[in-house]
PDB file of N, CA and C in Angstrom:
ATOM      1  N   UNK A   1     105.520 111.163  73.286  1.00  0.00           N
ATOM      2  CA  UNK A   1     104.458 112.022  73.744  1.00  0.00           C
ATOM      3  C   UNK A   1     103.226 111.194  74.036  1.00  0.00           C
ATOM      4  N   UNK A   2     102.426 111.633  74.980  1.00  0.00           N
ATOM      5  CA  UNK A   2     101.233 110.902  75.360  1.00  0.00           C
ATOM      6  C   UNK A   2     100.164 110.978  74.279  1.00  0.00           C
ATOM      7  N   UNK A   3     100.121 112.087  73.522  1.00  0.00           N
ATOM      8  CA  UNK A   3      99.081 112.265  72.516  1.00  0.00           C
ATOM      9  C   UNK A   3      99.258 111.356  71.309  1.00  0.00           C
ATOM     10  N   UNK A   4     100.433 110.778  71.135  1.00  0.00           N
ATOM     11  CA  UNK A   4     100.694 109.946  69.963  1.00  0.00           C
ATOM     12  C   UNK A   4      99.882 108.666  69.964  1.00  0.00           C
ATOM     13  N   UNK A   5      99.420 108.205  71.119  1.00  0.00           N
ATOM     14  CA  UNK A   5      98.716 106.931  71.215  1.00  0.00           C
ATOM     15  C   UNK A   5      97.239 107.103  71.521  1.00  0.00           C
ATOM     16  N   UNK A   6      96.623 108.179  71.061  1.00  0.00           N
ATOM     17  CA  UNK A   6      95.198 108.394  71.300  1.00  0.00           C
ATOM     18  C   UNK A   6      94.372 107.394  70.513  1.00  0.00           C
ATOM     19  N   UNK A   7      93.300 106.940  71.125  1.00  0.00           N
ATOM     20  CA  UNK A   7      92.339 106.089  70.429  1.00  0.00           C
ATOM     21  C   UNK A   7      91.215 106.972  69.913  1.00  0.00           C
ATOM     22  N   UNK A   8      90.464 106.495  68.934  1.00  0.00           N
ATOM     23  CA  UNK A   8      89.399 107.291  68.345  1.00  0.00           C
ATOM     24  C   UNK A   8      88.399 107.780  69.379  1.00  0.00           C
ATOM     25  N   UNK A   9      88.040 106.946  70.338  1.00  0.00           N
ATOM     26  CA  UNK A   9      87.033 107.361  71.314  1.00  0.00           C
ATOM     27  C   UNK A   9      87.587 108.370  72.314  1.00  0.00           C
ATOM     28  N   UNK A  10      88.907 108.616  72.308  1.00  0.00           N
ATOM     29  CA  UNK A  10      89.503 109.595  73.205  1.00  0.00           C
ATOM     30  C   UNK A  10      89.571 110.980  72.577  1.00  0.00           C
ATOM     31  N   UNK A  11      89.309 111.106  71.284  1.00  0.00           N
ATOM     32  CA  UNK A  11      89.387 112.391  70.613  1.00  0.00           C
ATOM     33  C   UNK A  11      88.257 113.301  71.067  1.00  0.00           C
ATOM     34  N   UNK A  12      88.547 114.587  71.143  1.00  0.00           N
ATOM     35  CA  UNK A  12      87.559 115.573  71.566  1.00  0.00           C
ATOM     36  C   UNK A  12      86.563 115.811  70.438  1.00  0.00           C
ATOM     37  N   UNK A  13      85.267 115.527  70.655  1.00  0.00           N
ATOM     38  CA  UNK A  13      84.294 115.733  69.574  1.00  0.00           C
ATOM     39  C   UNK A  13      84.075 117.206  69.261  1.00  0.00           C
ATOM     40  N   UNK A  14      84.486 118.105  70.152  1.00  0.00           N
ATOM     41  CA  UNK A  14      84.302 119.542  69.929  1.00  0.00           C
ATOM     42  C   UNK A  14      85.533 120.208  69.326  1.00  0.00           C
ATOM     43  N   UNK A  15      86.541 119.418  69.034  1.00  0.00           N
ATOM     44  CA  UNK A  15      87.763 119.964  68.446  1.00  0.00           C
ATOM     45  C   UNK A  15      87.471 120.462  67.035  1.00  0.00           C
ATOM     46  N   UNK A  16      88.137 121.537  66.605  1.00  0.00           N
ATOM     47  CA  UNK A  16      87.889 122.049  65.250  1.00  0.00           C
ATOM     48  C   UNK A  16      88.316 121.044  64.186  1.00  0.00           C
ATOM     49  N   UNK A  17      87.540 120.978  63.140  1.00  0.00           N
ATOM     50  CA  UNK A  17      87.826 120.066  62.035  1.00  0.00           C
ATOM     51  C   UNK A  17      88.796 120.761  61.091  1.00  0.00           C
ATOM     52  N   UNK A  18      89.862 120.093  60.658  1.00  0.00           N
ATOM     53  CA  UNK A  18      90.785 120.724  59.706  1.00  0.00           C
ATOM     54  C   UNK A  18      90.049 121.155  58.455  1.00  0.00           C
ATOM     55  N   UNK A  19      90.465 122.286  57.881  1.00  0.00           N
ATOM     56  CA  UNK A  19      89.758 122.834  56.720  1.00  0.00           C
ATOM     57  C   UNK A  19      89.689 121.857  55.562  1.00  0.00           C
ATOM     58  N   UNK A  20      90.704 121.046  55.378  1.00  0.00           N
ATOM     59  CA  UNK A  20      90.725 120.112  54.251  1.00  0.00           C
ATOM     60  C   UNK A  20      89.672 119.020  54.409  1.00  0.00           C
ATOM     61  N   UNK A  21      89.170 118.810  55.641  1.00  0.00           N
ATOM     62  CA  UNK A  21      88.223 117.732  55.877  1.00  0.00           C
ATOM     63  C   UNK A  21      86.792 118.238  56.049  1.00  0.00           C
ATOM     64  N   UNK A  22      86.515 119.496  55.717  1.00  0.00           N
ATOM     65  CA  UNK A  22      85.167 120.041  55.860  1.00  0.00           C
ATOM     66  C   UNK A  22      84.281 119.438  54.775  1.00  0.00           C
ATOM     67  N   UNK A  23      83.173 118.794  55.168  1.00  0.00           N
ATOM     68  CA  UNK A  23      82.288 118.186  54.171  1.00  0.00           C
ATOM     69  C   UNK A  23      81.729 119.237  53.212  1.00  0.00           C
ATOM     70  N   UNK A  24      81.600 118.868  51.949  1.00  0.00           N
ATOM     71  CA  UNK A  24      81.025 119.755  50.950  1.00  0.00           C
ATOM     72  C   UNK A  24      82.032 120.670  50.287  1.00  0.00           C
ATOM     73  N   UNK A  25      83.248 120.716  50.797  1.00  0.00           N
ATOM     74  CA  UNK A  25      84.279 121.543  50.187  1.00  0.00           C
ATOM     75  C   UNK A  25      85.327 120.648  49.543  1.00  0.00           C
ATOM     76  N   UNK A  26      85.886 121.076  48.425  1.00  0.00           N
ATOM     77  CA  UNK A  26      86.940 120.259  47.820  1.00  0.00           C
ATOM     78  C   UNK A  26      88.162 120.234  48.729  1.00  0.00           C
ATOM     79  N   UNK A  27      88.827 119.105  48.833  1.00  0.00           N
ATOM     80  CA  UNK A  27      90.016 119.035  49.688  1.00  0.00           C
ATOM     81  C   UNK A  27      91.137 119.894  49.126  1.00  0.00           C
ATOM     82  N   UNK A  28      91.874 120.540  50.022  1.00  0.00           N
ATOM     83  CA  UNK A  28      93.013 121.346  49.598  1.00  0.00           C
ATOM     84  C   UNK A  28      94.138 120.416  49.184  1.00  0.00           C
ATOM     85  N   UNK A  29      94.948 120.873  48.227  1.00  0.00           N
ATOM     86  CA  UNK A  29      96.053 120.043  47.760  1.00  0.00           C
ATOM     87  C   UNK A  29      97.085 119.905  48.872  1.00  0.00           C
ATOM     88  N   UNK A  30      97.546 118.692  49.081  1.00  0.00           N
ATOM     89  CA  UNK A  30      98.592 118.483  50.071  1.00  0.00           C
ATOM     90  C   UNK A  30      99.929 118.865  49.456  1.00  0.00           C
ATOM     91  N   UNK A  31     100.838 119.292  50.308  1.00  0.00           N
ATOM     92  CA  UNK A  31     102.161 119.682  49.827  1.00  0.00           C
ATOM     93  C   UNK A  31     102.997 118.438  49.587  1.00  0.00           C
ATOM     94  N   UNK A  32     103.839 118.503  48.603  1.00  0.00           N
ATOM     95  CA  UNK A  32     104.710 117.377  48.295  1.00  0.00           C
ATOM     96  C   UNK A  32     106.151 117.873  48.235  1.00  0.00           C
ATOM     97  N   UNK A  33     107.061 116.941  48.051  1.00  0.00           N
ATOM     98  CA  UNK A  33     108.477 117.290  47.943  1.00  0.00           C
ATOM     99  C   UNK A  33     108.716 118.205  46.748  1.00  0.00           C
ATOM    100  N   UNK A  34     107.903 118.076  45.718  1.00  0.00           N
ATOM    101  CA  UNK A  34     108.059 118.921  44.527  1.00  0.00           C
ATOM    102  C   UNK A  34     107.855 120.400  44.860  1.00  0.00           C
ATOM    103  N   UNK A  35     107.012 120.689  45.856  1.00  0.00           N
ATOM    104  CA  UNK A  35     106.777 122.078  46.262  1.00  0.00           C
ATOM    105  C   UNK A  35     108.024 122.715  46.867  1.00  0.00           C
ATOM    106  N   UNK A  36     108.956 121.917  47.329  1.00  0.00           N
ATOM    107  CA  UNK A  36     110.150 122.433  47.981  1.00  0.00           C
ATOM    108  C   UNK A  36     111.352 122.534  47.050  1.00  0.00           C
ATOM    109  N   UNK A  37     111.179 122.217  45.783  1.00  0.00           N
ATOM    110  CA  UNK A  37     112.301 122.215  44.852  1.00  0.00           C
ATOM    111  C   UNK A  37     113.035 123.543  44.807  1.00  0.00           C
ATOM    112  N   UNK A  38     112.360 124.649  45.064  1.00  0.00           N
ATOM    113  CA  UNK A  38     112.988 125.962  44.999  1.00  0.00           C
ATOM    114  C   UNK A  38     114.078 126.131  46.057  1.00  0.00           C
ATOM    115  N   UNK A  39     113.991 125.399  47.158  1.00  0.00           N
ATOM    116  CA  UNK A  39     114.978 125.561  48.227  1.00  0.00           C
ATOM    117  C   UNK A  39     116.040 124.469  48.230  1.00  0.00           C
ATOM    118  N   UNK A  40     115.942 123.502  47.353  1.00  0.00           N
ATOM    119  CA  UNK A  40     116.895 122.388  47.343  1.00  0.00           C
ATOM    120  C   UNK A  40     118.322 122.827  47.084  1.00  0.00           C
ATOM    121  N   UNK A  41     118.548 123.867  46.317  1.00  0.00           N
ATOM    122  CA  UNK A  41     119.890 124.287  45.929  1.00  0.00           C
ATOM    123  C   UNK A  41     120.475 125.347  46.860  1.00  0.00           C
ATOM    124  N   UNK A  42     119.763 125.726  47.924  1.00  0.00           N
ATOM    125  CA  UNK A  42     120.282 126.731  48.856  1.00  0.00           C
ATOM    126  C   UNK A  42     121.313 126.072  49.764  1.00  0.00           C
ATOM    127  N   UNK A  43     122.542 126.600  49.775  1.00  0.00           N
ATOM    128  CA  UNK A  43     123.572 125.991  50.630  1.00  0.00           C
ATOM    129  C   UNK A  43     123.353 126.350  52.100  1.00  0.00           C
ATOM    130  N   UNK A  44     123.611 125.388  52.970  1.00  0.00           N
ATOM    131  CA  UNK A  44     123.558 125.613  54.413  1.00  0.00           C
ATOM    132  C   UNK A  44     124.850 125.086  55.014  1.00  0.00           C
ATOM    133  N   UNK A  45     125.239 125.653  56.145  1.00  0.00           N
ATOM    134  CA  UNK A  45     126.442 125.204  56.840  1.00  0.00           C
ATOM    135  C   UNK A  45     126.011 124.283  57.973  1.00  0.00           C
ATOM    136  N   UNK A  46     126.506 123.057  57.978  1.00  0.00           N
ATOM    137  CA  UNK A  46     126.206 122.094  59.025  1.00  0.00           C
ATOM    138  C   UNK A  46     127.471 121.873  59.849  1.00  0.00           C
ATOM    139  N   UNK A  47     127.343 122.019  61.165  1.00  0.00           N
ATOM    140  CA  UNK A  47     128.475 121.832  62.075  1.00  0.00           C
ATOM    141  C   UNK A  47     128.094 120.831  63.145  1.00  0.00           C
ATOM    142  N   UNK A  48     129.032 119.945  63.474  1.00  0.00           N
ATOM    143  CA  UNK A  48     128.850 118.993  64.567  1.00  0.00           C
ATOM    144  C   UNK A  48     129.881 119.332  65.629  1.00  0.00           C
ATOM    145  N   UNK A  49     129.412 119.731  66.806  1.00  0.00           N
ATOM    146  CA  UNK A  49     130.305 120.172  67.882  1.00  0.00           C
ATOM    147  C   UNK A  49     130.495 119.026  68.863  1.00  0.00           C
ATOM    148  N   UNK A  50     131.725 118.518  68.920  1.00  0.00           N
ATOM    149  CA  UNK A  50     132.053 117.420  69.832  1.00  0.00           C
ATOM    150  C   UNK A  50     132.130 117.890  71.274  1.00  0.00           C
ATOM    151  N   UNK A  51     132.528 119.121  71.480  1.00  0.00           N
ATOM    152  CA  UNK A  51     132.669 119.681  72.809  1.00  0.00           C
ATOM    153  C   UNK A  51     133.372 121.020  72.722  1.00  0.00           C
ATOM    154  N   UNK A  52     133.554 121.652  73.879  1.00  0.00           N
ATOM    155  CA  UNK A  52     134.187 122.965  73.914  1.00  0.00           C
ATOM    156  C   UNK A  52     135.252 122.984  74.999  1.00  0.00           C
ATOM    157  N   UNK A  53     136.201 123.894  74.827  1.00  0.00           N
ATOM    158  CA  UNK A  53     137.250 124.094  75.825  1.00  0.00           C
ATOM    159  C   UNK A  53     137.577 125.582  75.868  1.00  0.00           C
ATOM    160  N   UNK A  54     137.949 126.054  77.034  1.00  0.00           N
ATOM    161  CA  UNK A  54     138.346 127.448  77.204  1.00  0.00           C
ATOM    162  C   UNK A  54     139.794 127.465  77.668  1.00  0.00           C
ATOM    163  N   UNK A  55     140.609 128.287  77.008  1.00  0.00           N
ATOM    164  CA  UNK A  55     142.000 128.417  77.424  1.00  0.00           C
ATOM    165  C   UNK A  55     142.512 129.795  77.051  1.00  0.00           C
ATOM    166  N   UNK A  56     143.581 130.193  77.697  1.00  0.00           N
ATOM    167  CA  UNK A  56     144.200 131.478  77.395  1.00  0.00           C
ATOM    168  C   UNK A  56     144.999 131.365  76.106  1.00  0.00           C
ATOM    169  N   UNK A  57     145.202 132.496  75.459  1.00  0.00           N
ATOM    170  CA  UNK A  57     145.959 132.514  74.206  1.00  0.00           C
ATOM    171  C   UNK A  57     147.359 131.956  74.434  1.00  0.00           C
ATOM    172  N   UNK A  58     147.963 132.280  75.580  1.00  0.00           N
ATOM    173  CA  UNK A  58     149.315 131.771  75.855  1.00  0.00           C
ATOM    174  C   UNK A  58     149.330 130.242  75.905  1.00  0.00           C
ATOM    175  N   UNK A  59     148.286 129.642  76.458  1.00  0.00           N
ATOM    176  CA  UNK A  59     148.188 128.172  76.481  1.00  0.00           C
ATOM    177  C   UNK A  59     148.005 127.627  75.073  1.00  0.00           C
ATOM    178  N   UNK A  60     147.199 128.303  74.284  1.00  0.00           N
ATOM    179  CA  UNK A  60     146.938 127.881  72.913  1.00  0.00           C
ATOM    180  C   UNK A  60     148.226 127.897  72.090  1.00  0.00           C
ATOM    181  N   UNK A  61     149.038 128.924  72.289  1.00  0.00           N
ATOM    182  CA  UNK A  61     150.289 129.043  71.537  1.00  0.00           C
ATOM    183  C   UNK A  61     151.315 127.983  71.933  1.00  0.00           C
ATOM    184  N   UNK A  62     151.194 127.436  73.116  1.00  0.00           N
ATOM    185  CA  UNK A  62     152.125 126.401  73.586  1.00  0.00           C
ATOM    186  C   UNK A  62     151.763 125.012  73.068  1.00  0.00           C
ATOM    187  N   UNK A  63     150.570 124.868  72.473  1.00  0.00           N
ATOM    188  CA  UNK A  63     150.159 123.550  71.969  1.00  0.00           C
ATOM    189  C   UNK A  63     151.037 123.166  70.793  1.00  0.00           C
ATOM    190  N   UNK A  64     151.403 121.935  70.745  1.00  0.00           N
ATOM    191  CA  UNK A  64     152.205 121.431  69.635  1.00  0.00           C
ATOM    192  C   UNK A  64     151.572 120.178  69.076  1.00  0.00           C
ATOM    193  N   UNK A  65     152.261 119.584  68.115  1.00  0.00           N
ATOM    194  CA  UNK A  65     151.772 118.357  67.502  1.00  0.00           C
ATOM    195  C   UNK A  65     151.602 117.289  68.579  1.00  0.00           C
ATOM    196  N   UNK A  66     150.453 116.630  68.574  1.00  0.00           N
ATOM    197  CA  UNK A  66     150.177 115.572  69.544  1.00  0.00           C
ATOM    198  C   UNK A  66     149.581 116.069  70.848  1.00  0.00           C
ATOM    199  N   UNK A  67     149.432 117.380  70.989  1.00  0.00           N
ATOM    200  CA  UNK A  67     148.836 117.921  72.212  1.00  0.00           C
ATOM    201  C   UNK A  67     147.368 117.515  72.287  1.00  0.00           C
ATOM    202  N   UNK A  68     146.893 117.300  73.492  1.00  0.00           N
ATOM    203  CA  UNK A  68     145.501 116.912  73.711  1.00  0.00           C
ATOM    204  C   UNK A  68     144.782 118.047  74.417  1.00  0.00           C
ATOM    205  N   UNK A  69     143.636 118.446  73.867  1.00  0.00           N
ATOM    206  CA  UNK A  69     142.810 119.476  74.481  1.00  0.00           C
ATOM    207  C   UNK A  69     141.588 118.775  75.063  1.00  0.00           C
ATOM    208  N   UNK A  70     141.410 118.892  76.371  1.00  0.00           N
ATOM    209  CA  UNK A  70     140.279 118.240  77.039  1.00  0.00           C
ATOM    210  C   UNK A  70     139.013 119.046  76.787  1.00  0.00           C
ATOM    211  N   UNK A  71     137.967 118.358  76.328  1.00  0.00           N
ATOM    212  CA  UNK A  71     136.687 119.000  76.037  1.00  0.00           C
ATOM    213  C   UNK A  71     135.735 118.825  77.209  1.00  0.00           C
ATOM    214  N   UNK A  72     134.623 119.550  77.167  1.00  0.00           N
ATOM    215  CA  UNK A  72     133.661 119.528  78.272  1.00  0.00           C
ATOM    216  C   UNK A  72     132.637 118.387  78.163  1.00  0.00           C
ATOM    217  N   UNK A  73     132.827 117.452  77.261  1.00  0.00           N
ATOM    218  CA  UNK A  73     131.901 116.334  77.088  1.00  0.00           C
ATOM    219  C   UNK A  73     132.579 115.031  77.454  1.00  0.00           C
ATOM    220  N   UNK A  74     131.762 114.071  77.845  1.00  0.00           N
ATOM    221  CA  UNK A  74     132.270 112.739  78.167  1.00  0.00           C
ATOM    222  C   UNK A  74     132.105 111.828  76.951  1.00  0.00           C
ATOM    223  N   UNK A  75     132.847 110.739  76.934  1.00  0.00           N
ATOM    224  CA  UNK A  75     132.750 109.755  75.856  1.00  0.00           C
ATOM    225  C   UNK A  75     131.328 109.201  75.844  1.00  0.00           C
ATOM    226  N   UNK A  76     130.737 109.136  74.671  1.00  0.00           N
ATOM    227  CA  UNK A  76     129.384 108.600  74.538  1.00  0.00           C
ATOM    228  C   UNK A  76     128.290 109.636  74.725  1.00  0.00           C
ATOM    229  N   UNK A  77     128.633 110.830  75.173  1.00  0.00           N
ATOM    230  CA  UNK A  77     127.639 111.893  75.348  1.00  0.00           C
ATOM    231  C   UNK A  77     127.257 112.460  73.979  1.00  0.00           C
ATOM    232  N   UNK A  78     126.002 112.880  73.834  1.00  0.00           N
ATOM    233  CA  UNK A  78     125.516 113.399  72.554  1.00  0.00           C
ATOM    234  C   UNK A  78     126.288 114.647  72.141  1.00  0.00           C
ATOM    235  N   UNK A  79     126.467 114.797  70.830  1.00  0.00           N
ATOM    236  CA  UNK A  79     127.106 115.993  70.287  1.00  0.00           C
ATOM    237  C   UNK A  79     126.019 116.927  69.767  1.00  0.00           C
ATOM    238  N   UNK A  80     126.341 118.208  69.649  1.00  0.00           N
ATOM    239  CA  UNK A  80     125.391 119.197  69.145  1.00  0.00           C
ATOM    240  C   UNK A  80     125.539 119.339  67.638  1.00  0.00           C
ATOM    241  N   UNK A  81     124.417 119.422  66.932  1.00  0.00           N
ATOM    242  CA  UNK A  81     124.409 119.598  65.483  1.00  0.00           C
ATOM    243  C   UNK A  81     123.773 120.953  65.185  1.00  0.00           C
ATOM    244  N   UNK A  82     124.538 121.806  64.516  1.00  0.00           N
ATOM    245  CA  UNK A  82     124.076 123.147  64.178  1.00  0.00           C
ATOM    246  C   UNK A  82     123.875 123.255  62.674  1.00  0.00           C
ATOM    247  N   UNK A  83     122.848 123.977  62.262  1.00  0.00           N
ATOM    248  CA  UNK A  83     122.654 124.352  60.862  1.00  0.00           C
ATOM    249  C   UNK A  83     122.594 125.871  60.833  1.00  0.00           C
ATOM    250  N   UNK A  84     123.507 126.466  60.072  1.00  0.00           N
ATOM    251  CA  UNK A  84     123.636 127.928  60.021  1.00  0.00           C
ATOM    252  C   UNK A  84     123.717 128.527  61.418  1.00  0.00           C
ATOM    253  N   UNK A  85     124.562 127.945  62.250  1.00  0.00           N
ATOM    254  CA  UNK A  85     124.827 128.409  63.619  1.00  0.00           C
ATOM    255  C   UNK A  85     123.616 128.348  64.548  1.00  0.00           C
ATOM    256  N   UNK A  86     122.632 127.549  64.212  1.00  0.00           N
ATOM    257  CA  UNK A  86     121.460 127.357  65.074  1.00  0.00           C
ATOM    258  C   UNK A  86     121.397 125.888  65.480  1.00  0.00           C
ATOM    259  N   UNK A  87     121.327 125.646  66.778  1.00  0.00           N
ATOM    260  CA  UNK A  87     121.239 124.275  67.277  1.00  0.00           C
ATOM    261  C   UNK A  87     119.928 123.658  66.825  1.00  0.00           C
ATOM    262  N   UNK A  88     120.009 122.554  66.079  1.00  0.00           N
ATOM    263  CA  UNK A  88     118.783 121.917  65.592  1.00  0.00           C
ATOM    264  C   UNK A  88     118.630 120.479  66.071  1.00  0.00           C
ATOM    265  N   UNK A  89     119.736 119.854  66.494  1.00  0.00           N
ATOM    266  CA  UNK A  89     119.639 118.443  66.868  1.00  0.00           C
ATOM    267  C   UNK A  89     120.828 118.041  67.726  1.00  0.00           C
ATOM    268  N   UNK A  90     120.703 116.844  68.284  1.00  0.00           N
ATOM    269  CA  UNK A  90     121.815 116.198  68.979  1.00  0.00           C
ATOM    270  C   UNK A  90     122.002 114.840  68.321  1.00  0.00           C
ATOM    271  N   UNK A  91     123.211 114.330  68.393  1.00  0.00           N
ATOM    272  CA  UNK A  91     123.455 113.068  67.719  1.00  0.00           C
ATOM    273  C   UNK A  91     124.688 112.359  68.213  1.00  0.00           C
ATOM    274  N   UNK A  92     125.096 111.377  67.424  1.00  0.00           N
ATOM    275  CA  UNK A  92     126.250 110.543  67.746  1.00  0.00           C
ATOM    276  C   UNK A  92     127.185 110.501  66.553  1.00  0.00           C
ATOM    277  N   UNK A  93     128.473 110.341  66.844  1.00  0.00           N
ATOM    278  CA  UNK A  93     129.472 110.197  65.786  1.00  0.00           C
ATOM    279  C   UNK A  93     129.436 108.750  65.295  1.00  0.00           C
ATOM    280  N   UNK A  94     129.453 108.568  63.973  1.00  0.00           N
ATOM    281  CA  UNK A  94     129.465 107.237  63.370  1.00  0.00           C
ATOM    282  C   UNK A  94     130.562 107.195  62.305  1.00  0.00           C
ATOM    283  N   UNK A  95     130.939 106.012  61.910  1.00  0.00           N
ATOM    284  CA  UNK A  95     131.910 105.828  60.829  1.00  0.00           C
ATOM    285  C   UNK A  95     131.161 105.286  59.619  1.00  0.00           C
ATOM    286  N   UNK A  96     131.327 105.981  58.474  1.00  0.00           N
ATOM    287  CA  UNK A  96     130.667 105.586  57.234  1.00  0.00           C
ATOM    288  C   UNK A  96     131.745 105.469  56.165  1.00  0.00           C
ATOM    289  N   UNK A  97     132.009 104.254  55.698  1.00  0.00           N
ATOM    290  CA  UNK A  97     133.032 104.027  54.671  1.00  0.00           C
ATOM    291  C   UNK A  97     134.357 104.703  55.034  1.00  0.00           C
ATOM    292  N   UNK A  98     134.835 104.463  56.232  1.00  0.00           N
ATOM    293  CA  UNK A  98     136.095 104.987  56.741  1.00  0.00           C
ATOM    294  C   UNK A  98     136.128 106.509  56.864  1.00  0.00           C
ATOM    295  N   UNK A  99     134.963 107.147  56.910  1.00  0.00           N
ATOM    296  CA  UNK A  99     134.867 108.595  57.125  1.00  0.00           C
ATOM    297  C   UNK A  99     133.973 108.825  58.323  1.00  0.00           C
ATOM    298  N   UNK A 100     134.184 109.933  59.010  1.00  0.00           N
ATOM    299  CA  UNK A 100     133.339 110.272  60.149  1.00  0.00           C
ATOM    300  C   UNK A 100     132.018 110.843  59.663  1.00  0.00           C
ATOM    301  N   UNK A 101     130.969 110.524  60.370  1.00  0.00           N
ATOM    302  CA  UNK A 101     129.643 111.054  60.080  1.00  0.00           C
ATOM    303  C   UNK A 101     128.907 111.300  61.378  1.00  0.00           C
ATOM    304  N   UNK A 102     127.725 111.817  61.264  1.00  0.00           N
ATOM    305  CA  UNK A 102     126.893 112.102  62.431  1.00  0.00           C
ATOM    306  C   UNK A 102     125.500 111.571  62.163  1.00  0.00           C
ATOM    307  N   UNK A 103     124.939 110.891  63.137  1.00  0.00           N
ATOM    308  CA  UNK A 103     123.553 110.460  63.044  1.00  0.00           C
ATOM    309  C   UNK A 103     122.746 111.238  64.074  1.00  0.00           C
ATOM    310  N   UNK A 104     121.608 111.770  63.661  1.00  0.00           N
ATOM    311  CA  UNK A 104     120.775 112.549  64.571  1.00  0.00           C
ATOM    312  C   UNK A 104     119.960 111.606  65.445  1.00  0.00           C
ATOM    313  N   UNK A 105     119.980 111.849  66.735  1.00  0.00           N
ATOM    314  CA  UNK A 105     119.204 111.030  67.674  1.00  0.00           C
ATOM    315  C   UNK A 105     118.080 111.815  68.319  1.00  0.00           C
ATOM    316  N   UNK A 106     118.154 113.148  68.244  1.00  0.00           N
ATOM    317  CA  UNK A 106     117.149 113.990  68.898  1.00  0.00           C
ATOM    318  C   UNK A 106     117.056 115.314  68.156  1.00  0.00           C
ATOM    319  N   UNK A 107     115.849 115.728  67.810  1.00  0.00           N
ATOM    320  CA  UNK A 107     115.622 117.038  67.216  1.00  0.00           C
ATOM    321  C   UNK A 107     115.349 118.016  68.344  1.00  0.00           C
ATOM    322  N   UNK A 108     116.024 119.150  68.325  1.00  0.00           N
ATOM    323  CA  UNK A 108     115.842 120.164  69.367  1.00  0.00           C
ATOM    324  C   UNK A 108     114.734 121.107  68.928  1.00  0.00           C
ATOM    325  N   UNK A 109     113.700 121.190  69.745  1.00  0.00           N
ATOM    326  CA  UNK A 109     112.585 122.094  69.443  1.00  0.00           C
ATOM    327  C   UNK A 109     112.823 123.409  70.162  1.00  0.00           C
ATOM    328  N   UNK A 110     112.675 124.500  69.415  1.00  0.00           N
ATOM    329  CA  UNK A 110     112.898 125.826  69.972  1.00  0.00           C
ATOM    330  C   UNK A 110     111.575 126.574  69.976  1.00  0.00           C
ATOM    331  N   UNK A 111     111.239 127.170  71.126  1.00  0.00           N
ATOM    332  CA  UNK A 111     110.028 127.985  71.200  1.00  0.00           C
ATOM    333  C   UNK A 111     110.284 129.284  70.475  1.00  0.00           C
ATOM    334  N   UNK A 112     109.423 129.598  69.510  1.00  0.00           N
ATOM    335  CA  UNK A 112     109.547 130.858  68.761  1.00  0.00           C
ATOM    336  C   UNK A 112     108.482 131.813  69.247  1.00  0.00           C
ATOM    337  N   UNK A 113     108.775 132.458  70.358  1.00  0.00           N
ATOM    338  CA  UNK A 113     107.801 133.413  70.928  1.00  0.00           C
ATOM    339  C   UNK A 113     108.222 134.830  70.704  1.00  0.00           C
TER     340      UNK A 113
END
């Protein structure tokens, strides 16, 4: 983003000052990881979607051992990462100690209007 590299003299002097930085008032406590402890034990479902395919039930029933289903993604293309059936990121498949894993390369921002 372009705003990430602003210099001090480029900041708007008329911009509102954050409440925690108002002179004469005690600073508000910043949130820490300890504040989130209540949600640490909530289970979530994480899914990594390599690709999708559409076929008729009759085609599906004809599949046997060793059958290959062609997906709609190309090799090296980002995969979708869902949390509780909501797309939250894109990433790549990696191998970790002889197991498959996923590394996130992009967080998907959703407009909540």
